[in-house]
Amino acid sequence: MGFSLKSQRDYEGHAVSNDEPAPGSVHNIVFRNIIAHCKGGAHITGHPNGYIDGLTYDNIKFFVGTDPTAPFDWTTDAMTFRWVKNLKLRDVEINWETPEAAKWRSAIHLEDVDGVVIDGFEGRQAKLGAEAPTLDFVNVKDVMIRDSKAPEGTETFVKVEGHDSSEVTLFGNDLRKSKAAVQLDTDVSKNAVTTLDNFMPAQ
């Protein structure tokens, strides 16, 4: 369930540059009705000059596992999206299997993503009592999270980072079992996040 746009320079180990042309384009991809048990997470990466445009994950149950003997298992987050626009995550459920990996953090990490609908999501951070948020957003714009649920053991449901983050809305979510609904990093505007008609954690 993961893929990326990479140029020859990327494969040669050079840093991704805003100056180079996009290595291609990906548009309007749908993954639907999948139960996946994976050793590692799903990593979806576009290119700063060629965002993946129109990506949908619909009715996905994702079970993240690890292989302690595998040198290539570098997963930190269950699902990672970068340089993507018009992303829809509908009825996505994240489950963490045992044994745990020391590096595991968040259920979903979004970075440099524009135009997101997360609808009917259920999951939490990898480890009980860990400070990692369930949803970790960095420089995201135009995000709607609705009809989603924070299960028992959730610490912070959403953390927003990056001074470019804006227009993040939580609407109609059940966050009563989380310790905190939203955390804003110091470089994020206080007006970047709006919460409406959510069941909030007790204060």
Protein backbone atom coordinates (compact mmCIF):
# COMPACT_ATOMS: atom_id res chain seq x y z
CA MET A 1 0.00 0.00 0.00
CA GLY A 2 3.02 2.28 -0.19
CA PHE A 3 4.80 3.92 -3.13
CA SER A 4 6.85 6.99 -3.94
CA LEU A 5 7.91 9.32 -6.74
CA LYS A 6 11.70 9.35 -7.01
CA SER A 7 14.16 10.68 -9.54
CA GLN A 8 17.47 9.07 -10.44
CA ARG A 9 19.18 11.56 -8.11
CA ASP A 10 16.94 10.40 -5.25
CA TYR A 11 17.93 6.79 -5.81
CA GLU A 12 21.58 7.86 -5.84
CA GLY A 13 21.15 9.23 -2.33
CA HIS A 14 20.97 12.96 -3.08
CA ALA A 15 18.58 15.10 -1.06
CA VAL A 16 15.22 15.83 -2.68
CA SER A 17 15.44 19.30 -4.25
CA ASN A 18 12.78 21.90 -5.07
CA ASP A 19 14.84 22.84 -8.14
CA GLU A 20 14.67 19.55 -10.00
CA PRO A 21 11.74 18.53 -12.21
CA ALA A 22 9.19 16.03 -10.95
CA PRO A 23 10.10 12.43 -11.82
CA GLY A 24 6.54 11.71 -12.95
CA SER A 25 2.94 12.01 -11.79
CA VAL A 26 0.39 9.95 -9.90
CA HIS A 27 -3.31 10.83 -9.97
CA ASN A 28 -6.58 9.38 -8.67
CA ILE A 29 -5.54 6.13 -6.97
CA VAL A 30 -7.99 4.19 -4.78
CA PHE A 31 -7.22 1.39 -2.30
CA ARG A 32 -10.48 -0.16 -1.05
CA ASN A 33 -11.67 -3.02 1.19
CA ILE A 34 -8.28 -4.24 2.40
CA ILE A 35 -7.20 -6.08 5.54
CA ALA A 36 -3.40 -5.87 5.68
CA HIS A 37 -0.96 -7.45 8.13
CA CYS A 38 2.45 -5.90 7.40
CA LYS A 39 5.95 -6.02 8.79
CA GLY A 40 6.40 -2.27 8.64
CA GLY A 41 4.24 0.69 7.70
CA ALA A 42 2.82 2.24 4.54
CA HIS A 43 4.95 5.09 3.16
CA ILE A 44 3.50 7.24 0.37
CA THR A 45 5.76 10.01 -0.89
CA GLY A 46 5.33 12.37 -3.81
CA HIS A 47 7.85 15.00 -4.87
CA PRO A 48 8.01 18.70 -3.92
CA ASN A 49 7.55 19.56 -7.62
CA GLY A 50 5.03 16.80 -8.33
CA TYR A 51 2.53 16.09 -5.57
CA ILE A 52 0.55 12.85 -5.70
CA ASP A 53 -2.93 14.18 -6.48
CA GLY A 54 -6.14 12.36 -5.59
CA LEU A 55 -5.39 9.43 -3.28
CA THR A 56 -8.08 7.47 -1.42
CA TYR A 57 -7.84 4.72 1.22
CA ASP A 58 -11.34 3.36 1.83
CA ASN A 59 -12.32 0.65 4.37
CA ILE A 60 -8.81 -0.33 5.40
CA LYS A 61 -7.85 -2.40 8.46
CA PHE A 62 -4.11 -2.10 8.88
CA PHE A 63 -2.18 -4.29 11.34
CA VAL A 64 1.40 -3.11 11.83
CA GLY A 65 4.00 -5.64 12.91
CA THR A 66 7.77 -5.81 13.09
CA ASP A 67 10.55 -8.29 12.50
CA PRO A 68 13.25 -7.69 15.15
CA THR A 69 15.80 -9.57 13.03
CA ALA A 70 15.25 -7.51 9.87
CA PRO A 71 17.87 -4.76 9.30
CA PHE A 72 15.55 -2.94 6.87
CA ASP A 73 12.64 -2.43 9.29
CA TRP A 74 12.83 1.36 9.82
CA THR A 75 9.13 2.05 10.39
CA THR A 76 8.23 4.81 12.84
CA ASP A 77 4.61 5.60 11.87
CA ALA A 78 1.96 3.20 10.59
CA MET A 79 0.99 5.37 7.59
CA THR A 80 3.14 8.23 6.30
CA PHE A 81 2.11 10.67 3.57
CA ARG A 82 4.30 13.48 2.20
CA TRP A 83 3.86 15.76 -0.80
CA VAL A 84 0.28 14.66 -1.39
CA LYS A 85 -2.85 16.67 -2.14
CA ASN A 86 -6.53 15.71 -2.14
CA LEU A 87 -6.07 12.78 0.24
CA LYS A 88 -9.08 10.86 1.59
CA LEU A 89 -8.83 8.35 4.44
CA ARG A 90 -12.25 6.76 4.96
CA ASP A 91 -12.94 4.11 7.60
CA VAL A 92 -9.25 3.45 8.22
CA GLU A 93 -8.37 1.46 11.33
CA ILE A 94 -4.82 1.17 12.66
CA ASN A 95 -3.79 -1.70 14.95
CA TRP A 96 -0.35 -2.28 16.48
CA GLU A 97 0.77 -5.89 16.85
CA THR A 98 3.28 -7.42 19.24
CA PRO A 99 6.20 -7.41 19.72
CA GLU A 100 6.53 -3.63 19.65
CA ALA A 101 9.34 -1.86 17.84
CA ALA A 102 11.24 0.76 19.84
CA LYS A 103 10.90 3.32 17.00
CA TRP A 104 7.11 3.13 16.61
CA ARG A 105 5.26 6.43 17.12
CA SER A 106 2.08 7.66 15.45
CA ALA A 107 -0.74 6.00 13.56
CA ILE A 108 -0.72 8.58 10.74
CA HIS A 109 1.94 11.13 9.85
CA LEU A 110 1.13 13.84 7.30
CA GLU A 111 3.78 16.27 6.07
CA ASP A 112 3.45 18.84 3.28
CA VAL A 113 -0.07 17.66 2.51
CA ASP A 114 -2.83 19.90 1.11
CA GLY A 115 -6.52 18.94 1.14
CA VAL A 116 -7.30 16.04 3.48
CA VAL A 117 -10.49 14.32 4.63
CA ILE A 118 -10.14 11.79 7.46
CA ASP A 119 -13.56 10.22 7.97
CA GLY A 120 -14.35 7.35 10.35
CA PHE A 121 -10.77 6.80 11.52
CA GLU A 122 -10.02 4.71 14.61
CA GLY A 123 -6.62 4.16 16.20
CA ARG A 124 -4.07 5.45 18.69
CA GLN A 125 -0.35 6.00 19.06
CA ALA A 126 1.82 2.89 19.01
CA LYS A 127 2.66 2.59 22.70
CA LEU A 128 0.48 3.06 25.74
CA GLY A 129 1.67 6.01 27.78
CA ALA A 130 3.93 7.32 25.01
CA GLU A 131 3.95 11.04 24.18
CA ALA A 132 3.60 10.50 20.43
CA PRO A 133 0.28 11.73 19.01
CA THR A 134 -2.12 9.49 17.16
CA LEU A 135 -2.24 11.88 14.20
CA ASP A 136 0.97 13.84 13.59
CA PHE A 137 0.64 16.75 11.14
CA VAL A 138 3.50 18.91 9.83
CA ASN A 139 2.81 21.79 7.41
CA VAL A 140 -0.67 20.64 6.44
CA LYS A 141 -3.48 22.71 4.91
CA ASP A 142 -7.23 22.27 4.54
CA VAL A 143 -7.73 19.19 6.75
CA MET A 144 -11.10 17.83 7.93
CA ILE A 145 -11.25 15.11 10.60
CA ARG A 146 -14.77 13.88 11.27
CA ASP A 147 -16.72 10.98 12.78
CA SER A 148 -13.50 9.47 14.14
CA LYS A 149 -12.81 7.81 17.47
CA ALA A 150 -9.97 7.84 19.96
CA PRO A 151 -9.85 4.41 21.67
CA GLU A 152 -8.78 3.69 25.24
CA GLY A 153 -5.11 4.50 25.78
CA THR A 154 -4.97 7.47 23.40
CA GLU A 155 -2.68 10.25 24.61
CA THR A 156 -2.87 13.26 22.25
CA PHE A 157 -5.23 12.67 19.33
CA VAL A 158 -3.85 15.34 16.96
CA LYS A 159 -0.57 17.26 17.06
CA VAL A 160 -0.08 20.08 14.55
CA GLU A 161 3.40 21.37 13.72
CA GLY A 162 4.91 23.70 11.15
CA HIS A 163 4.25 27.41 10.57
CA ASP A 164 2.54 26.63 7.24
CA SER A 165 -0.19 24.54 8.89
CA SER A 166 -3.68 26.03 8.54
CA GLU A 167 -7.39 25.22 8.27
CA VAL A 168 -7.40 22.04 10.35
CA THR A 169 -10.95 21.19 11.51
CA LEU A 170 -12.18 18.48 13.90
CA PHE A 171 -15.92 17.90 13.58
CA GLY A 172 -18.13 15.36 15.31
CA ASN A 173 -15.38 13.13 16.71
CA ASP A 174 -15.50 11.00 19.87
CA LEU A 175 -12.34 11.99 21.75
CA ARG A 176 -13.51 11.24 25.30
CA LYS A 177 -10.93 8.48 25.86
CA SER A 178 -7.97 10.61 24.81
CA LYS A 179 -5.99 12.62 27.34
CA ALA A 180 -5.80 15.60 24.99
CA ALA A 181 -7.68 16.34 21.79
CA VAL A 182 -5.26 18.76 20.12
CA GLN A 183 -1.70 19.93 20.69
CA LEU A 184 -0.24 22.89 18.78
CA ASP A 185 3.49 23.34 18.38
CA THR A 186 4.89 26.76 19.21
CA ASP A 187 5.22 27.80 15.55
CA VAL A 188 1.56 27.08 14.71
CA SER A 189 -1.05 29.84 14.73
CA LYS A 190 -3.72 29.47 17.41
CA ASN A 191 -6.29 29.97 14.63
CA ALA A 192 -4.96 27.03 12.61
CA VAL A 193 -7.28 24.49 14.28
CA THR A 194 -11.07 24.64 14.72
CA THR A 195 -13.05 22.13 16.81
CA LEU A 196 -16.83 21.77 16.37
CA ASP A 197 -19.34 19.40 18.00
CA ASN A 198 -16.76 16.91 19.28
CA PHE A 199 -17.04 14.76 22.41
CA MET A 200 -13.98 16.13 24.19
CA PRO A 201 -11.83 14.54 26.92
CA ALA A 202 -12.71 15.39 30.50
CA GLN A 203 -10.68 18.25 31.94
